[in-house]
Structure formats: structure tokens, C-alpha cells
Amino acid sequence: MMKVMMIAGATLAMVTVAGAADLPHPQPVYQQAPLGKAPIGKAPIGKNPVGKAPVSARY
């Protein structure tokens, strides 16, 4: 009798978990990327010659 109760309990637990997995989840809200704004804190893109690193001061 104890084995039957344990199997029934395990089956009920698995059915509960499987049912909870089918519930809908909230999706992230889509945010449109800002257009026409320069990235803040970044160096301007395309201002240096191709293949050249920016010149830094050497002490």
C-alpha cells in the first residue's frame, strides 16, 4: 500500500510541474532603438584613417 501511495504522490507532483510549465510567461517589452543619436561615451566612428589607431600622448 505504501508503494502505491508513493507512486501516486510522485505522479501527482510530475503532473503539477508539467502543468505549471505550460502557463504563459511575460515577454520583455520591445523598445525601438534611438535613431540619429551618437553613442554617448564612444569615440566618433569613421573619423580615423582605416587601419590606423588613434594617436595618444606619450610621456
PDB file of N, CA and C in Angstrom:
ATOM      1  N   MET A   1       0.821  -1.195   0.000  1.00  0.00           N
ATOM      2  CA  MET A   1       0.000   0.000   0.000  1.00  0.00           C
ATOM      3  C   MET A   1       0.870   1.266   0.000  1.00  0.00           C
ATOM      4  N   MET A   2       1.983   1.204   0.735  1.00  0.00           N
ATOM      5  CA  MET A   2       2.871   2.364   0.819  1.00  0.00           C
ATOM      6  C   MET A   2       3.483   2.679  -0.550  1.00  0.00           C
ATOM      7  N   LYS A   3       3.842   1.633  -1.308  1.00  0.00           N
ATOM      8  CA  LYS A   3       4.417   1.850  -2.630  1.00  0.00           C
ATOM      9  C   LYS A   3       3.413   2.549  -3.554  1.00  0.00           C
ATOM     10  N   VAL A   4       2.167   2.156  -3.471  1.00  0.00           N
ATOM     11  CA  VAL A   4       1.123   2.755  -4.320  1.00  0.00           C
ATOM     12  C   VAL A   4       0.960   4.231  -3.980  1.00  0.00           C
ATOM     13  N   MET A   5       0.994   4.568  -2.688  1.00  0.00           N
ATOM     14  CA  MET A   5       0.853   5.968  -2.271  1.00  0.00           C
ATOM     15  C   MET A   5       2.040   6.808  -2.743  1.00  0.00           C
ATOM     16  N   MET A   6       3.237   6.235  -2.673  1.00  0.00           N
ATOM     17  CA  MET A   6       4.428   6.962  -3.121  1.00  0.00           C
ATOM     18  C   MET A   6       4.387   7.187  -4.632  1.00  0.00           C
ATOM     19  N   ILE A   7       3.986   6.180  -5.383  1.00  0.00           N
ATOM     20  CA  ILE A   7       3.888   6.314  -6.842  1.00  0.00           C
ATOM     21  C   ILE A   7       2.817   7.328  -7.205  1.00  0.00           C
ATOM     22  N   ALA A   8       1.691   7.311  -6.501  1.00  0.00           N
ATOM     23  CA  ALA A   8       0.617   8.275  -6.777  1.00  0.00           C
ATOM     24  C   ALA A   8       1.081   9.698  -6.453  1.00  0.00           C
ATOM     25  N   GLY A   9       1.801   9.869  -5.351  1.00  0.00           N
ATOM     26  CA  GLY A   9       2.313  11.189  -4.983  1.00  0.00           C
ATOM     27  C   GLY A   9       3.326  11.708  -5.991  1.00  0.00           C
ATOM     28  N   ALA A  10       4.226  10.835  -6.447  1.00  0.00           N
ATOM     29  CA  ALA A  10       5.223  11.230  -7.437  1.00  0.00           C
ATOM     30  C   ALA A  10       4.552  11.586  -8.765  1.00  0.00           C
ATOM     31  N   THR A  11       3.540  10.833  -9.144  1.00  0.00           N
ATOM     32  CA  THR A  11       2.819  11.116 -10.391  1.00  0.00           C
ATOM     33  C   THR A  11       2.093  12.458 -10.295  1.00  0.00           C
ATOM     34  N   LEU A  12       1.462  12.717  -9.161  1.00  0.00           N
ATOM     35  CA  LEU A  12       0.777  13.995  -8.967  1.00  0.00           C
ATOM     36  C   LEU A  12       1.759  15.161  -9.016  1.00  0.00           C
ATOM     37  N   ALA A  13       2.933  14.977  -8.423  1.00  0.00           N
ATOM     38  CA  ALA A  13       3.956  16.032  -8.449  1.00  0.00           C
ATOM     39  C   ALA A  13       4.416  16.297  -9.879  1.00  0.00           C
ATOM     40  N   MET A  14       4.637  15.270 -10.653  1.00  0.00           N
ATOM     41  CA  MET A  14       5.083  15.447 -12.049  1.00  0.00           C
ATOM     42  C   MET A  14       4.011  16.123 -12.893  1.00  0.00           C
ATOM     43  N   VAL A  15       2.749  15.768 -12.689  1.00  0.00           N
ATOM     44  CA  VAL A  15       1.659  16.385 -13.441  1.00  0.00           C
ATOM     45  C   VAL A  15       1.542  17.865 -13.073  1.00  0.00           C
ATOM     46  N   THR A  16       1.731  18.185 -11.795  1.00  0.00           N
ATOM     47  CA  THR A  16       1.665  19.585 -11.352  1.00  0.00           C
ATOM     48  C   THR A  16       2.784  20.405 -11.982  1.00  0.00           C
ATOM     49  N   VAL A  17       4.002  19.868 -11.993  1.00  0.00           N
ATOM     50  CA  VAL A  17       5.136  20.583 -12.584  1.00  0.00           C
ATOM     51  C   VAL A  17       4.939  20.754 -14.084  1.00  0.00           C
ATOM     52  N   ALA A  18       4.459  19.729 -14.757  1.00  0.00           N
ATOM     53  CA  ALA A  18       4.247  19.815 -16.200  1.00  0.00           C
ATOM     54  C   ALA A  18       3.149  20.818 -16.527  1.00  0.00           C
ATOM     55  N   GLY A  19       2.126  20.890 -15.691  1.00  0.00           N
ATOM     56  CA  GLY A  19       1.053  21.863 -15.919  1.00  0.00           C
ATOM     57  C   GLY A  19       1.530  23.280 -15.712  1.00  0.00           C
ATOM     58  N   ALA A  20       2.392  23.505 -14.724  1.00  0.00           N
ATOM     59  CA  ALA A  20       2.916  24.848 -14.468  1.00  0.00           C
ATOM     60  C   ALA A  20       3.838  25.302 -15.597  1.00  0.00           C
ATOM     61  N   ALA A  21       4.502  24.371 -16.266  1.00  0.00           N
ATOM     62  CA  ALA A  21       5.402  24.734 -17.359  1.00  0.00           C
ATOM     63  C   ALA A  21       4.634  25.247 -18.574  1.00  0.00           C
ATOM     64  N   ASP A  22       3.358  24.903 -18.675  1.00  0.00           N
ATOM     65  CA  ASP A  22       2.556  25.325 -19.817  1.00  0.00           C
ATOM     66  C   ASP A  22       1.923  26.700 -19.632  1.00  0.00           C
ATOM     67  N   LEU A  23       2.070  27.296 -18.462  1.00  0.00           N
ATOM     68  CA  LEU A  23       1.490  28.619 -18.230  1.00  0.00           C
ATOM     69  C   LEU A  23       2.257  29.676 -19.029  1.00  0.00           C
ATOM     70  N   PRO A  24       1.571  30.717 -19.494  1.00  0.00           N
ATOM     71  CA  PRO A  24       2.274  31.750 -20.258  1.00  0.00           C
ATOM     72  C   PRO A  24       3.222  32.557 -19.371  1.00  0.00           C
ATOM     73  N   HIS A  25       4.312  32.979 -19.943  1.00  0.00           N
ATOM     74  CA  HIS A  25       5.308  33.783 -19.242  1.00  0.00           C
ATOM     75  C   HIS A  25       5.294  35.194 -19.820  1.00  0.00           C
ATOM     76  N   PRO A  26       5.493  36.230 -19.013  1.00  0.00           N
ATOM     77  CA  PRO A  26       5.537  37.586 -19.548  1.00  0.00           C
ATOM     78  C   PRO A  26       6.750  37.776 -20.457  1.00  0.00           C
ATOM     79  N   GLN A  27       6.524  38.391 -21.586  1.00  0.00           N
ATOM     80  CA  GLN A  27       7.587  38.625 -22.548  1.00  0.00           C
ATOM     81  C   GLN A  27       8.179  40.014 -22.335  1.00  0.00           C
ATOM     82  N   PRO A  28       9.471  40.199 -22.649  1.00  0.00           N
ATOM     83  CA  PRO A  28      10.065  41.525 -22.489  1.00  0.00           C
ATOM     84  C   PRO A  28       9.436  42.528 -23.462  1.00  0.00           C
ATOM     85  N   VAL A  29       9.332  43.762 -23.030  1.00  0.00           N
ATOM     86  CA  VAL A  29       8.735  44.815 -23.844  1.00  0.00           C
ATOM     87  C   VAL A  29       9.758  45.277 -24.869  1.00  0.00           C
ATOM     88  N   TYR A  30       9.331  45.355 -26.127  1.00  0.00           N
ATOM     89  CA  TYR A  30      10.216  45.795 -27.205  1.00  0.00           C
ATOM     90  C   TYR A  30      10.395  47.297 -27.135  1.00  0.00           C
ATOM     91  N   GLN A  31      11.645  47.752 -27.181  1.00  0.00           N
ATOM     92  CA  GLN A  31      11.939  49.179 -27.206  1.00  0.00           C
ATOM     93  C   GLN A  31      12.681  49.474 -28.493  1.00  0.00           C
ATOM     94  N   GLN A  32      12.162  50.429 -29.255  1.00  0.00           N
ATOM     95  CA  GLN A  32      12.784  50.783 -30.513  1.00  0.00           C
ATOM     96  C   GLN A  32      14.097  51.507 -30.253  1.00  0.00           C
ATOM     97  N   ALA A  33      15.108  51.174 -31.031  1.00  0.00           N
ATOM     98  CA  ALA A  33      16.422  51.791 -30.875  1.00  0.00           C
ATOM     99  C   ALA A  33      16.350  53.259 -31.273  1.00  0.00           C
ATOM    100  N   PRO A  34      17.037  54.127 -30.528  1.00  0.00           N
ATOM    101  CA  PRO A  34      17.026  55.546 -30.894  1.00  0.00           C
ATOM    102  C   PRO A  34      17.778  55.763 -32.200  1.00  0.00           C
ATOM    103  N   LEU A  35      17.195  56.522 -33.096  1.00  0.00           N
ATOM    104  CA  LEU A  35      17.813  56.783 -34.388  1.00  0.00           C
ATOM    105  C   LEU A  35      18.347  58.209 -34.427  1.00  0.00           C
ATOM    106  N   GLY A  36      19.498  58.380 -35.037  1.00  0.00           N
ATOM    107  CA  GLY A  36      20.053  59.708 -35.238  1.00  0.00           C
ATOM    108  C   GLY A  36      20.792  60.267 -34.046  1.00  0.00           C
ATOM    109  N   LYS A  37      21.070  59.442 -33.045  1.00  0.00           N
ATOM    110  CA  LYS A  37      21.805  59.925 -31.882  1.00  0.00           C
ATOM    111  C   LYS A  37      23.161  59.233 -31.833  1.00  0.00           C
ATOM    112  N   ALA A  38      24.198  59.993 -31.502  1.00  0.00           N
ATOM    113  CA  ALA A  38      25.538  59.425 -31.380  1.00  0.00           C
ATOM    114  C   ALA A  38      25.637  58.653 -30.074  1.00  0.00           C
ATOM    115  N   PRO A  39      26.383  57.574 -30.061  1.00  0.00           N
ATOM    116  CA  PRO A  39      26.558  56.844 -28.813  1.00  0.00           C
ATOM    117  C   PRO A  39      27.325  57.684 -27.792  1.00  0.00           C
ATOM    118  N   ILE A  40      26.834  57.722 -26.578  1.00  0.00           N
ATOM    119  CA  ILE A  40      27.457  58.542 -25.535  1.00  0.00           C
ATOM    120  C   ILE A  40      28.652  57.798 -24.962  1.00  0.00           C
ATOM    121  N   GLY A  41      29.775  58.502 -24.841  1.00  0.00           N
ATOM    122  CA  GLY A  41      30.963  57.903 -24.262  1.00  0.00           C
ATOM    123  C   GLY A  41      31.788  57.092 -25.237  1.00  0.00           C
ATOM    124  N   LYS A  42      31.473  57.130 -26.503  1.00  0.00           N
ATOM    125  CA  LYS A  42      32.218  56.369 -27.507  1.00  0.00           C
ATOM    126  C   LYS A  42      32.952  57.345 -28.424  1.00  0.00           C
ATOM    127  N   ALA A  43      34.047  56.895 -28.998  1.00  0.00           N
ATOM    128  CA  ALA A  43      34.783  57.716 -29.954  1.00  0.00           C
ATOM    129  C   ALA A  43      33.984  57.805 -31.248  1.00  0.00           C
ATOM    130  N   PRO A  44      34.095  58.907 -31.953  1.00  0.00           N
ATOM    131  CA  PRO A  44      33.380  59.014 -33.234  1.00  0.00           C
ATOM    132  C   PRO A  44      33.843  57.937 -34.204  1.00  0.00           C
ATOM    133  N   ILE A  45      32.917  57.318 -34.856  1.00  0.00           N
ATOM    134  CA  ILE A  45      33.229  56.233 -35.791  1.00  0.00           C
ATOM    135  C   ILE A  45      33.480  56.833 -37.166  1.00  0.00           C
ATOM    136  N   GLY A  46      34.533  56.388 -37.818  1.00  0.00           N
ATOM    137  CA  GLY A  46      34.824  56.834 -39.171  1.00  0.00           C
ATOM    138  C   GLY A  46      35.645  58.105 -39.253  1.00  0.00           C
ATOM    139  N   LYS A  47      36.166  58.611 -38.151  1.00  0.00           N
ATOM    140  CA  LYS A  47      36.962  59.841 -38.171  1.00  0.00           C
ATOM    141  C   LYS A  47      38.444  59.558 -38.351  1.00  0.00           C
ATOM    142  N   ASN A  48      38.907  58.353 -38.054  1.00  0.00           N
ATOM    143  CA  ASN A  48      40.312  57.995 -38.207  1.00  0.00           C
ATOM    144  C   ASN A  48      40.514  57.275 -39.525  1.00  0.00           C
ATOM    145  N   PRO A  49      41.722  57.343 -40.089  1.00  0.00           N
ATOM    146  CA  PRO A  49      42.005  56.578 -41.298  1.00  0.00           C
ATOM    147  C   PRO A  49      41.852  55.077 -41.046  1.00  0.00           C
ATOM    148  N   VAL A  50      41.490  54.349 -42.074  1.00  0.00           N
ATOM    149  CA  VAL A  50      41.266  52.921 -41.946  1.00  0.00           C
ATOM    150  C   VAL A  50      42.580  52.232 -41.605  1.00  0.00           C
ATOM    151  N   GLY A  51      42.585  51.389 -40.593  1.00  0.00           N
ATOM    152  CA  GLY A  51      43.766  50.643 -40.202  1.00  0.00           C
ATOM    153  C   GLY A  51      44.694  51.389 -39.271  1.00  0.00           C
ATOM    154  N   LYS A  52      44.391  52.631 -38.920  1.00  0.00           N
ATOM    155  CA  LYS A  52      45.249  53.412 -38.036  1.00  0.00           C
ATOM    156  C   LYS A  52      44.581  53.530 -36.668  1.00  0.00           C
ATOM    157  N   ALA A  53      45.371  53.382 -35.630  1.00  0.00           N
ATOM    158  CA  ALA A  53      44.863  53.545 -34.283  1.00  0.00           C
ATOM    159  C   ALA A  53      44.886  55.034 -33.924  1.00  0.00           C
ATOM    160  N   PRO A  54      44.037  55.475 -33.021  1.00  0.00           N
ATOM    161  CA  PRO A  54      44.087  56.877 -32.609  1.00  0.00           C
ATOM    162  C   PRO A  54      45.420  57.205 -31.953  1.00  0.00           C
ATOM    163  N   VAL A  55      45.919  58.406 -32.189  1.00  0.00           N
ATOM    164  CA  VAL A  55      47.203  58.841 -31.637  1.00  0.00           C
ATOM    165  C   VAL A  55      46.960  59.230 -30.183  1.00  0.00           C
ATOM    166  N   SER A  56      47.807  58.673 -29.296  1.00  0.00           N
ATOM    167  CA  SER A  56      47.707  59.028 -27.891  1.00  0.00           C
ATOM    168  C   SER A  56      48.993  59.708 -27.459  1.00  0.00           C
ATOM    169  N   ALA A  57      48.887  60.546 -26.445  1.00  0.00           N
ATOM    170  CA  ALA A  57      50.070  61.271 -25.947  1.00  0.00           C
ATOM    171  C   ALA A  57      50.977  60.300 -25.201  1.00  0.00           C
ATOM    172  N   ARG A  58      52.274  60.404 -25.451  1.00  0.00           N
ATOM    173  CA  ARG A  58      53.265  59.555 -24.775  1.00  0.00           C
ATOM    174  C   ARG A  58      54.120  60.446 -23.903  1.00  0.00           C
ATOM    175  N   TYR A  59      54.350  60.007 -22.681  1.00  0.00           N
ATOM    176  CA  TYR A  59      55.158  60.804 -21.744  1.00  0.00           C
ATOM    177  C   TYR A  59      56.493  60.163 -21.520  1.00  0.00           C
TER     178      TYR A  59
END
